[in-house]
Amino acid sequence: MDEDEAAVIAWAQEELTETPSKVSLWDVDGERIECMIQLSDSVVVVVLVGDGEIKIDEQRLTIAADNWSPGSVQANRRPDGCIRVRYRRKRIDIAAEIKSPHSVASLLEGWLLEMRGETQLPRDLNRRIANLKRERESIRRMLEQGSLERIHEEVDKVKEKISNAETELSGRAGIGATEQ
């Protein structure tokens, strides 16, 4: 652990009264530290400024895991070159490093999914549920087509047609015999 990460952990313990599970330093420039912090029930994007041991937060965006919904964390590159991270009506601007804005959002959302104990994104889960429903419907149709009940009904209809045909033929045969 380097001194910048130690400074972030010390700040989190003092300000947030919790030791972070994970710390991801985004940009360190002199006396300015931009980072993402994972706590037990939330994630924090923070810009810390200050000299030496004392750091204050210039900007902070906290996302609680229980209020978060997948896809609600957005990160976009701004015309001035910085990256704006948004969650609902809150936002924070961080430096545009080599990494893409998407990497910020995916890191935060990954941590939030991890906190909920989910391994798949709900979109993947919903897609899987939809596939299972389609498969269930397909099997239902196949069972309906292969049902013996329909076959018995068809056999009964054919028997009735044969019986009617025999009756008609026997009636005609009787009429034909009397005419001769």
N, C-alpha and C. Protein backbone atom coordinates (compact mmCIF):
# COMPACT_ATOMS: atom_id res chain seq x y z
N MET A 1 0.86 -1.17 0.00
CA MET A 1 0.00 0.00 0.00
C MET A 1 0.90 1.23 0.00
N ASP A 2 0.63 2.14 -0.93
CA ASP A 2 1.45 3.36 -0.99
C ASP A 2 0.85 4.44 -0.09
N GLU A 3 1.55 5.56 0.01
CA GLU A 3 1.13 6.62 0.94
C GLU A 3 -0.17 7.28 0.53
N ASP A 4 -0.46 7.35 -0.79
CA ASP A 4 -1.73 7.96 -1.23
C ASP A 4 -2.92 7.09 -0.83
N GLU A 5 -2.77 5.79 -1.00
CA GLU A 5 -3.84 4.88 -0.60
C GLU A 5 -4.03 4.92 0.91
N ALA A 6 -2.93 5.00 1.65
CA ALA A 6 -3.00 5.11 3.11
C ALA A 6 -3.72 6.39 3.52
N ALA A 7 -3.47 7.49 2.79
CA ALA A 7 -4.14 8.76 3.07
C ALA A 7 -5.65 8.64 2.83
N VAL A 8 -6.03 7.94 1.76
CA VAL A 8 -7.46 7.76 1.45
C VAL A 8 -8.13 6.92 2.53
N ILE A 9 -7.46 5.85 2.95
CA ILE A 9 -8.02 4.99 4.00
C ILE A 9 -8.16 5.76 5.31
N ALA A 10 -7.16 6.56 5.66
CA ALA A 10 -7.23 7.38 6.88
C ALA A 10 -8.37 8.37 6.79
N TRP A 11 -8.54 9.01 5.63
CA TRP A 11 -9.64 9.96 5.44
C TRP A 11 -10.97 9.25 5.59
N ALA A 12 -11.12 8.08 4.97
CA ALA A 12 -12.39 7.33 5.03
C ALA A 12 -12.72 6.93 6.47
N GLN A 13 -11.71 6.50 7.21
CA GLN A 13 -11.95 6.11 8.60
C GLN A 13 -12.41 7.29 9.44
N GLU A 14 -11.85 8.46 9.16
CA GLU A 14 -12.21 9.65 9.93
C GLU A 14 -13.55 10.24 9.48
N GLU A 15 -13.71 10.43 8.18
CA GLU A 15 -14.91 11.09 7.64
C GLU A 15 -16.12 10.17 7.53
N LEU A 16 -15.89 8.95 7.08
CA LEU A 16 -16.99 8.02 6.82
C LEU A 16 -17.16 7.02 7.95
N THR A 17 -16.29 7.10 8.93
CA THR A 17 -16.27 6.21 10.10
C THR A 17 -16.33 4.73 9.71
N GLU A 18 -15.59 4.39 8.66
CA GLU A 18 -15.54 3.00 8.21
C GLU A 18 -14.25 2.77 7.43
N THR A 19 -13.68 1.60 7.59
CA THR A 19 -12.49 1.24 6.82
C THR A 19 -12.95 0.68 5.48
N PRO A 20 -12.43 1.22 4.39
CA PRO A 20 -12.86 0.75 3.06
C PRO A 20 -12.48 -0.71 2.79
N SER A 21 -13.35 -1.41 2.06
CA SER A 21 -13.04 -2.77 1.62
C SER A 21 -12.03 -2.73 0.50
N LYS A 22 -12.26 -1.80 -0.43
CA LYS A 22 -11.37 -1.64 -1.58
C LYS A 22 -11.20 -0.16 -1.87
N VAL A 23 -10.02 0.18 -2.38
CA VAL A 23 -9.73 1.55 -2.81
C VAL A 23 -9.12 1.47 -4.20
N SER A 24 -9.66 2.26 -5.12
CA SER A 24 -9.09 2.34 -6.46
C SER A 24 -8.69 3.78 -6.71
N LEU A 25 -7.38 4.02 -6.78
CA LEU A 25 -6.89 5.37 -7.05
C LEU A 25 -7.05 5.64 -8.54
N TRP A 26 -7.77 6.68 -8.88
CA TRP A 26 -8.01 7.02 -10.28
C TRP A 26 -6.91 7.94 -10.79
N ASP A 27 -6.70 9.03 -10.07
CA ASP A 27 -5.68 10.00 -10.49
C ASP A 27 -5.07 10.63 -9.25
N VAL A 28 -3.75 10.68 -9.23
CA VAL A 28 -3.03 11.34 -8.14
C VAL A 28 -2.15 12.39 -8.79
N ASP A 29 -2.42 13.64 -8.43
CA ASP A 29 -1.67 14.75 -9.03
C ASP A 29 -1.28 15.72 -7.93
N GLY A 30 -0.09 15.57 -7.44
CA GLY A 30 0.38 16.46 -6.38
C GLY A 30 -0.43 16.27 -5.10
N GLU A 31 -1.16 17.28 -4.73
CA GLU A 31 -1.95 17.26 -3.50
C GLU A 31 -3.41 16.88 -3.74
N ARG A 32 -3.70 16.41 -4.93
CA ARG A 32 -5.08 16.06 -5.30
C ARG A 32 -5.16 14.57 -5.59
N ILE A 33 -6.12 13.89 -4.94
CA ILE A 33 -6.31 12.44 -5.14
C ILE A 33 -7.76 12.21 -5.56
N GLU A 34 -7.94 11.56 -6.70
CA GLU A 34 -9.27 11.17 -7.15
C GLU A 34 -9.34 9.66 -7.04
N CYS A 35 -10.38 9.15 -6.36
CA CYS A 35 -10.45 7.71 -6.14
C CYS A 35 -11.87 7.22 -5.97
N MET A 36 -12.00 5.88 -6.06
CA MET A 36 -13.25 5.21 -5.79
C MET A 36 -13.04 4.33 -4.57
N ILE A 37 -14.01 4.33 -3.67
CA ILE A 37 -13.89 3.60 -2.41
C ILE A 37 -15.10 2.69 -2.27
N GLN A 38 -14.84 1.42 -1.92
CA GLN A 38 -15.93 0.49 -1.63
C GLN A 38 -16.02 0.33 -0.12
N LEU A 39 -17.22 0.61 0.41
CA LEU A 39 -17.49 0.43 1.83
C LEU A 39 -18.39 -0.80 1.97
N SER A 40 -18.87 -1.08 3.16
CA SER A 40 -19.68 -2.28 3.37
C SER A 40 -21.04 -2.20 2.68
N ASP A 41 -21.63 -0.99 2.59
CA ASP A 41 -22.97 -0.87 2.02
C ASP A 41 -23.10 0.23 0.97
N SER A 42 -21.97 0.78 0.53
CA SER A 42 -22.01 1.84 -0.48
C SER A 42 -20.66 1.96 -1.16
N VAL A 43 -20.67 2.74 -2.25
CA VAL A 43 -19.42 3.11 -2.90
C VAL A 43 -19.35 4.62 -2.94
N VAL A 44 -18.12 5.15 -2.93
CA VAL A 44 -17.92 6.59 -2.90
C VAL A 44 -16.90 6.96 -3.96
N VAL A 45 -17.23 7.97 -4.76
CA VAL A 45 -16.25 8.57 -5.66
C VAL A 45 -15.91 9.90 -5.01
N VAL A 46 -14.62 10.13 -4.79
CA VAL A 46 -14.24 11.32 -4.03
C VAL A 46 -12.99 11.96 -4.63
N VAL A 47 -12.97 13.28 -4.53
CA VAL A 47 -11.79 14.05 -4.90
C VAL A 47 -11.29 14.68 -3.60
N LEU A 48 -10.10 14.26 -3.18
CA LEU A 48 -9.50 14.77 -1.95
C LEU A 48 -8.38 15.74 -2.29
N VAL A 49 -8.34 16.83 -1.54
CA VAL A 49 -7.26 17.81 -1.71
C VAL A 49 -6.68 18.12 -0.33
N GLY A 50 -5.45 18.52 -0.32
CA GLY A 50 -4.81 18.90 0.94
C GLY A 50 -3.34 18.53 0.91
N ASP A 51 -2.62 19.09 1.85
CA ASP A 51 -1.19 18.81 1.89
C ASP A 51 -0.88 17.87 3.04
N GLY A 52 0.01 16.95 2.79
CA GLY A 52 0.46 16.04 3.84
C GLY A 52 -0.63 15.11 4.33
N GLU A 53 -0.76 15.02 5.65
CA GLU A 53 -1.68 14.10 6.30
C GLU A 53 -3.14 14.54 6.21
N ILE A 54 -3.38 15.83 6.18
CA ILE A 54 -4.75 16.34 6.24
C ILE A 54 -5.34 16.46 4.84
N LYS A 55 -6.45 15.74 4.63
CA LYS A 55 -7.14 15.78 3.34
C LYS A 55 -8.59 16.17 3.58
N ILE A 56 -9.13 16.98 2.69
CA ILE A 56 -10.55 17.30 2.75
C ILE A 56 -11.16 16.93 1.40
N ASP A 57 -12.46 16.62 1.44
CA ASP A 57 -13.08 16.24 0.18
C ASP A 57 -13.60 17.48 -0.54
N GLU A 58 -13.10 17.64 -1.75
CA GLU A 58 -13.53 18.75 -2.62
C GLU A 58 -14.87 18.40 -3.26
N GLN A 59 -14.99 17.15 -3.68
CA GLN A 59 -16.23 16.64 -4.26
C GLN A 59 -16.42 15.22 -3.76
N ARG A 60 -17.69 14.82 -3.59
CA ARG A 60 -17.97 13.46 -3.15
C ARG A 60 -19.30 13.02 -3.71
N LEU A 61 -19.33 11.77 -4.21
CA LEU A 61 -20.55 11.16 -4.71
C LEU A 61 -20.68 9.80 -4.04
N THR A 62 -21.73 9.63 -3.23
CA THR A 62 -21.95 8.37 -2.52
C THR A 62 -23.15 7.66 -3.12
N ILE A 63 -22.98 6.37 -3.37
CA ILE A 63 -24.05 5.55 -3.94
C ILE A 63 -24.30 4.39 -2.98
N ALA A 64 -25.47 4.38 -2.36
CA ALA A 64 -25.83 3.31 -1.42
C ALA A 64 -26.31 2.10 -2.22
N ALA A 65 -25.87 0.92 -1.83
CA ALA A 65 -26.20 -0.31 -2.55
C ALA A 65 -27.70 -0.61 -2.53
N ASP A 66 -28.38 -0.29 -1.43
CA ASP A 66 -29.80 -0.60 -1.36
C ASP A 66 -30.68 0.34 -2.17
N ASN A 67 -30.18 1.52 -2.54
CA ASN A 67 -30.94 2.46 -3.37
C ASN A 67 -30.56 2.38 -4.84
N TRP A 68 -29.50 1.67 -5.15
CA TRP A 68 -28.94 1.61 -6.50
C TRP A 68 -29.71 0.62 -7.36
N SER A 69 -29.88 0.96 -8.63
CA SER A 69 -30.42 0.00 -9.60
C SER A 69 -29.43 -0.10 -10.75
N PRO A 70 -29.23 -1.31 -11.28
CA PRO A 70 -28.22 -1.51 -12.32
C PRO A 70 -28.41 -0.58 -13.52
N GLY A 71 -27.31 -0.05 -13.98
CA GLY A 71 -27.34 0.85 -15.13
C GLY A 71 -27.56 2.31 -14.76
N SER A 72 -27.75 2.60 -13.48
CA SER A 72 -28.03 3.98 -13.09
C SER A 72 -26.76 4.82 -12.88
N VAL A 73 -25.60 4.17 -12.85
CA VAL A 73 -24.34 4.91 -12.76
C VAL A 73 -23.86 5.15 -14.19
N GLN A 74 -23.70 6.41 -14.54
CA GLN A 74 -23.27 6.76 -15.89
C GLN A 74 -21.99 7.58 -15.82
N ALA A 75 -21.12 7.33 -16.78
CA ALA A 75 -19.87 8.10 -16.86
C ALA A 75 -19.66 8.49 -18.32
N ASN A 76 -19.48 9.78 -18.56
CA ASN A 76 -19.29 10.30 -19.92
C ASN A 76 -18.12 11.26 -19.96
N ARG A 77 -17.45 11.26 -21.08
CA ARG A 77 -16.35 12.21 -21.27
C ARG A 77 -16.95 13.56 -21.65
N ARG A 78 -16.48 14.60 -21.01
CA ARG A 78 -16.96 15.96 -21.25
C ARG A 78 -16.10 16.64 -22.32
N PRO A 79 -16.62 17.68 -22.95
CA PRO A 79 -15.83 18.40 -23.96
C PRO A 79 -14.52 18.98 -23.42
N ASP A 80 -14.51 19.32 -22.13
CA ASP A 80 -13.29 19.87 -21.54
C ASP A 80 -12.27 18.78 -21.19
N GLY A 81 -12.62 17.52 -21.46
CA GLY A 81 -11.68 16.43 -21.26
C GLY A 81 -11.87 15.65 -19.98
N CYS A 82 -12.63 16.16 -19.04
CA CYS A 82 -12.83 15.42 -17.79
C CYS A 82 -13.94 14.37 -17.97
N ILE A 83 -14.07 13.52 -16.99
CA ILE A 83 -15.11 12.50 -17.01
C ILE A 83 -16.14 12.86 -15.95
N ARG A 84 -17.39 12.91 -16.36
CA ARG A 84 -18.48 13.20 -15.43
C ARG A 84 -19.15 11.89 -15.05
N VAL A 85 -19.15 11.60 -13.76
CA VAL A 85 -19.82 10.42 -13.23
C VAL A 85 -21.14 10.91 -12.64
N ARG A 86 -22.24 10.29 -13.10
CA ARG A 86 -23.56 10.70 -12.63
C ARG A 86 -24.31 9.53 -12.02
N TYR A 87 -25.05 9.85 -10.97
CA TYR A 87 -25.96 8.88 -10.35
C TYR A 87 -27.17 9.67 -9.90
N ARG A 88 -28.30 9.35 -10.51
CA ARG A 88 -29.54 10.09 -10.29
C ARG A 88 -29.29 11.57 -10.55
N ARG A 89 -29.46 12.43 -9.58
CA ARG A 89 -29.26 13.88 -9.82
C ARG A 89 -27.91 14.37 -9.32
N LYS A 90 -27.10 13.45 -8.81
CA LYS A 90 -25.79 13.83 -8.29
C LYS A 90 -24.74 13.59 -9.36
N ARG A 91 -23.65 14.35 -9.27
CA ARG A 91 -22.57 14.17 -10.25
C ARG A 91 -21.25 14.60 -9.64
N ILE A 92 -20.19 14.09 -10.26
CA ILE A 92 -18.84 14.47 -9.86
C ILE A 92 -17.98 14.42 -11.12
N ASP A 93 -17.05 15.35 -11.23
CA ASP A 93 -16.13 15.38 -12.38
C ASP A 93 -14.76 14.93 -11.91
N ILE A 94 -14.19 13.99 -12.67
CA ILE A 94 -12.83 13.52 -12.36
C ILE A 94 -11.98 13.65 -13.62
N ALA A 95 -10.68 13.58 -13.43
CA ALA A 95 -9.74 13.74 -14.54
C ALA A 95 -9.92 12.61 -15.55
N ALA A 96 -9.67 12.94 -16.80
CA ALA A 96 -9.75 11.93 -17.86
C ALA A 96 -8.40 11.25 -17.97
N GLU A 97 -8.30 10.09 -17.40
CA GLU A 97 -7.07 9.31 -17.46
C GLU A 97 -7.09 8.47 -18.73
N ILE A 98 -6.13 7.60 -18.84
CA ILE A 98 -6.04 6.72 -20.00
C ILE A 98 -7.25 5.81 -20.09
N LYS A 99 -7.79 5.43 -18.95
CA LYS A 99 -8.96 4.54 -18.92
C LYS A 99 -10.18 5.25 -19.48
N SER A 100 -11.12 4.46 -19.99
CA SER A 100 -12.34 5.03 -20.56
C SER A 100 -13.35 5.37 -19.46
N PRO A 101 -14.31 6.24 -19.76
CA PRO A 101 -15.36 6.54 -18.79
C PRO A 101 -16.14 5.28 -18.41
N HIS A 102 -16.26 4.37 -19.37
CA HIS A 102 -16.99 3.13 -19.10
C HIS A 102 -16.34 2.33 -17.97
N SER A 103 -15.01 2.39 -17.88
CA SER A 103 -14.32 1.62 -16.84
C SER A 103 -14.68 2.11 -15.44
N VAL A 104 -14.96 3.41 -15.30
CA VAL A 104 -15.37 3.95 -13.99
C VAL A 104 -16.74 3.38 -13.62
N ALA A 105 -17.69 3.50 -14.55
CA ALA A 105 -19.05 3.03 -14.28
C ALA A 105 -19.07 1.53 -14.04
N SER A 106 -18.31 0.76 -14.82
CA SER A 106 -18.33 -0.70 -14.65
C SER A 106 -17.67 -1.10 -13.33
N LEU A 107 -16.64 -0.40 -12.89
CA LEU A 107 -16.02 -0.70 -11.61
C LEU A 107 -17.02 -0.46 -10.47
N LEU A 108 -17.68 0.69 -10.49
CA LEU A 108 -18.64 1.02 -9.43
C LEU A 108 -19.82 0.05 -9.44
N GLU A 109 -20.36 -0.23 -10.63
CA GLU A 109 -21.50 -1.15 -10.71
C GLU A 109 -21.09 -2.57 -10.33
N GLY A 110 -19.87 -2.95 -10.67
CA GLY A 110 -19.38 -4.27 -10.27
C GLY A 110 -19.30 -4.40 -8.76
N TRP A 111 -18.80 -3.37 -8.10
CA TRP A 111 -18.75 -3.38 -6.64
C TRP A 111 -20.15 -3.45 -6.04
N LEU A 112 -21.07 -2.67 -6.61
CA LEU A 112 -22.44 -2.66 -6.09
C LEU A 112 -23.12 -4.01 -6.29
N LEU A 113 -22.90 -4.64 -7.43
CA LEU A 113 -23.44 -5.99 -7.66
C LEU A 113 -22.86 -6.98 -6.66
N GLU A 114 -21.58 -6.84 -6.41
CA GLU A 114 -20.89 -7.71 -5.46
C GLU A 114 -21.49 -7.56 -4.06
N MET A 115 -21.82 -6.34 -3.69
CA MET A 115 -22.41 -6.10 -2.36
C MET A 115 -23.76 -6.78 -2.23
N ARG A 116 -24.51 -6.82 -3.32
CA ARG A 116 -25.83 -7.46 -3.31
C ARG A 116 -25.72 -8.97 -3.42
N GLY A 117 -24.54 -9.45 -3.71
CA GLY A 117 -24.37 -10.89 -3.86
C GLY A 117 -24.79 -11.40 -5.23
N GLU A 118 -24.93 -10.51 -6.18
CA GLU A 118 -25.32 -10.90 -7.53
C GLU A 118 -24.07 -11.04 -8.39
N THR A 119 -24.05 -12.06 -9.22
CA THR A 119 -22.91 -12.25 -10.10
C THR A 119 -23.25 -11.85 -11.52
N GLN A 120 -24.53 -11.87 -11.87
CA GLN A 120 -24.95 -11.50 -13.21
C GLN A 120 -25.67 -10.18 -13.17
N LEU A 121 -25.57 -9.46 -14.23
CA LEU A 121 -26.37 -8.25 -14.35
C LEU A 121 -27.82 -8.66 -14.51
N PRO A 122 -28.76 -7.91 -13.94
CA PRO A 122 -30.17 -8.24 -14.08
C PRO A 122 -30.61 -8.36 -15.53
N ARG A 123 -30.01 -7.60 -16.42
CA ARG A 123 -30.37 -7.70 -17.82
C ARG A 123 -30.10 -9.12 -18.32
N ASP A 124 -28.95 -9.70 -17.91
CA ASP A 124 -28.64 -11.08 -18.27
C ASP A 124 -29.62 -12.03 -17.60
N LEU A 125 -29.98 -11.75 -16.37
CA LEU A 125 -30.93 -12.58 -15.65
C LEU A 125 -32.30 -12.52 -16.31
N ASN A 126 -32.73 -11.31 -16.69
CA ASN A 126 -34.02 -11.16 -17.37
C ASN A 126 -34.01 -11.87 -18.71
N ARG A 127 -32.90 -11.79 -19.42
CA ARG A 127 -32.78 -12.48 -20.70
C ARG A 127 -32.90 -13.99 -20.50
N ARG A 128 -32.27 -14.50 -19.46
CA ARG A 128 -32.33 -15.94 -19.17
C ARG A 128 -33.76 -16.35 -18.81
N ILE A 129 -34.45 -15.54 -18.02
CA ILE A 129 -35.84 -15.83 -17.65
C ILE A 129 -36.72 -15.85 -18.89
N ALA A 130 -36.52 -14.88 -19.78
CA ALA A 130 -37.31 -14.84 -21.02
C ALA A 130 -37.05 -16.08 -21.87
N ASN A 131 -35.79 -16.53 -21.95
CA ASN A 131 -35.47 -17.74 -22.70
C ASN A 131 -36.16 -18.96 -22.10
N LEU A 132 -36.17 -19.05 -20.77
CA LEU A 132 -36.82 -20.17 -20.10
C LEU A 132 -38.34 -20.15 -20.35
N LYS A 133 -38.94 -18.97 -20.36
CA LYS A 133 -40.38 -18.86 -20.63
C LYS A 133 -40.70 -19.30 -22.05
N ARG A 134 -39.85 -18.88 -23.01
CA ARG A 134 -40.06 -19.31 -24.40
C ARG A 134 -39.93 -20.82 -24.53
N GLU A 135 -38.93 -21.38 -23.86
CA GLU A 135 -38.72 -22.83 -23.91
C GLU A 135 -39.91 -23.57 -23.29
N ARG A 136 -40.41 -23.05 -22.17
CA ARG A 136 -41.57 -23.66 -21.51
C ARG A 136 -42.78 -23.66 -22.44
N GLU A 137 -43.02 -22.54 -23.12
CA GLU A 137 -44.15 -22.43 -24.04
C GLU A 137 -43.98 -23.40 -25.22
N SER A 138 -42.77 -23.53 -25.72
CA SER A 138 -42.50 -24.46 -26.81
C SER A 138 -42.79 -25.90 -26.38
N ILE A 139 -42.37 -26.27 -25.19
CA ILE A 139 -42.61 -27.61 -24.67
C ILE A 139 -44.11 -27.84 -24.47
N ARG A 140 -44.82 -26.83 -23.98
CA ARG A 140 -46.28 -26.95 -23.80
C ARG A 140 -46.96 -27.23 -25.13
N ARG A 141 -46.54 -26.51 -26.19
CA ARG A 141 -47.14 -26.73 -27.51
C ARG A 141 -46.83 -28.14 -28.03
N MET A 142 -45.59 -28.59 -27.80
CA MET A 142 -45.24 -29.94 -28.25
C MET A 142 -46.06 -31.00 -27.51
N LEU A 143 -46.24 -30.80 -26.21
CA LEU A 143 -47.05 -31.75 -25.44
C LEU A 143 -48.50 -31.73 -25.91
N GLU A 144 -48.99 -30.55 -26.21
CA GLU A 144 -50.36 -30.43 -26.70
C GLU A 144 -50.50 -31.15 -28.04
N GLN A 145 -49.53 -31.00 -28.92
CA GLN A 145 -49.56 -31.67 -30.22
C GLN A 145 -49.45 -33.18 -30.06
N GLY A 146 -48.69 -33.63 -29.09
CA GLY A 146 -48.50 -35.05 -28.88
C GLY A 146 -49.52 -35.66 -27.94
N SER A 147 -50.49 -34.90 -27.53
CA SER A 147 -51.48 -35.38 -26.58
C SER A 147 -52.32 -36.50 -27.19
N LEU A 148 -52.54 -37.59 -26.45
CA LEU A 148 -53.35 -38.72 -26.90
C LEU A 148 -54.83 -38.36 -26.91
N GLU A 149 -55.22 -37.38 -26.14
CA GLU A 149 -56.64 -36.97 -26.10
C GLU A 149 -57.10 -36.53 -27.47
N ARG A 150 -56.30 -35.74 -28.14
CA ARG A 150 -56.67 -35.28 -29.49
C ARG A 150 -56.73 -36.47 -30.46
N ILE A 151 -55.80 -37.39 -30.29
CA ILE A 151 -55.79 -38.57 -31.16
C ILE A 151 -57.05 -39.39 -30.95
N HIS A 152 -57.47 -39.59 -29.68
CA HIS A 152 -58.70 -40.33 -29.39
C HIS A 152 -59.91 -39.64 -30.02
N GLU A 153 -59.95 -38.30 -29.95
CA GLU A 153 -61.05 -37.56 -30.57
C GLU A 153 -61.08 -37.79 -32.08
N GLU A 154 -59.90 -37.76 -32.70
CA GLU A 154 -59.82 -37.98 -34.14
C GLU A 154 -60.26 -39.40 -34.50
N VAL A 155 -59.84 -40.40 -33.71
CA VAL A 155 -60.24 -41.79 -33.94
C VAL A 155 -61.75 -41.92 -33.83
N ASP A 156 -62.35 -41.28 -32.82
CA ASP A 156 -63.81 -41.33 -32.65
C ASP A 156 -64.53 -40.71 -33.85
N LYS A 157 -64.01 -39.61 -34.37
CA LYS A 157 -64.61 -38.96 -35.54
C LYS A 157 -64.53 -39.88 -36.76
N VAL A 158 -63.38 -40.52 -36.94
CA VAL A 158 -63.20 -41.43 -38.09
C VAL A 158 -64.13 -42.64 -37.96
N LYS A 159 -64.26 -43.18 -36.74
CA LYS A 159 -65.17 -44.31 -36.51
C LYS A 159 -66.60 -43.92 -36.87
N GLU A 160 -66.98 -42.70 -36.46
CA GLU A 160 -68.33 -42.22 -36.75
C GLU A 160 -68.54 -42.08 -38.26
N LYS A 161 -67.56 -41.57 -38.97
CA LYS A 161 -67.64 -41.44 -40.43
C LYS A 161 -67.76 -42.82 -41.09
N ILE A 162 -66.97 -43.78 -40.60
CA ILE A 162 -67.03 -45.14 -41.16
C ILE A 162 -68.41 -45.75 -40.90
N SER A 163 -68.90 -45.56 -39.70
CA SER A 163 -70.22 -46.09 -39.34
C SER A 163 -71.29 -45.48 -40.22
N ASN A 164 -71.23 -44.16 -40.43
CA ASN A 164 -72.21 -43.48 -41.30
C ASN A 164 -72.08 -43.99 -42.73
N ALA A 165 -70.85 -44.17 -43.19
CA ALA A 165 -70.64 -44.67 -44.55
C ALA A 165 -71.19 -46.09 -44.69
N GLU A 166 -70.98 -46.96 -43.69
CA GLU A 166 -71.51 -48.33 -43.73
C GLU A 166 -73.03 -48.32 -43.74
N THR A 167 -73.61 -47.43 -42.94
CA THR A 167 -75.07 -47.34 -42.88
C THR A 167 -75.62 -46.92 -44.23
N GLU A 168 -74.99 -45.92 -44.82
CA GLU A 168 -75.44 -45.46 -46.13
C GLU A 168 -75.27 -46.54 -47.18
N LEU A 169 -74.14 -47.22 -47.17
CA LEU A 169 -73.89 -48.28 -48.14
C LEU A 169 -74.84 -49.45 -47.96
N SER A 170 -75.11 -49.83 -46.73
CA SER A 170 -76.03 -50.93 -46.49
C SER A 170 -77.45 -50.53 -46.89
N GLY A 171 -77.79 -49.30 -46.69
CA GLY A 171 -79.10 -48.80 -47.11
C GLY A 171 -79.22 -48.81 -48.61
N ARG A 172 -78.20 -48.39 -49.33
CA ARG A 172 -78.20 -48.38 -50.79
C ARG A 172 -78.18 -49.80 -51.34
N ALA A 173 -77.43 -50.64 -50.66
CA ALA A 173 -77.37 -52.03 -51.13
C ALA A 173 -78.74 -52.68 -51.02
N GLY A 174 -79.43 -52.35 -49.95
CA GLY A 174 -80.78 -52.90 -49.75
C GLY A 174 -81.74 -52.36 -50.80
N ILE A 175 -81.60 -51.08 -51.17
CA ILE A 175 -82.47 -50.45 -52.17
C ILE A 175 -82.13 -51.05 -53.53
N GLY A 176 -80.89 -51.26 -53.82
CA GLY A 176 -80.46 -51.81 -55.11
C GLY A 176 -80.93 -53.26 -55.28
N ALA A 177 -80.99 -54.05 -54.23
CA ALA A 177 -81.39 -55.45 -54.29
C ALA A 177 -82.88 -55.57 -54.54
N THR A 178 -83.67 -54.66 -53.99
CA THR A 178 -85.13 -54.72 -54.14
C THR A 178 -85.55 -54.27 -55.52
N GLU A 179 -84.78 -53.45 -56.17
CA GLU A 179 -85.11 -52.93 -57.49
C GLU A 179 -84.91 -54.02 -58.55
N GLN A 180 -84.04 -54.92 -58.35
CA GLN A 180 -83.77 -55.94 -59.35
C GLN A 180 -84.79 -56.96 -59.26
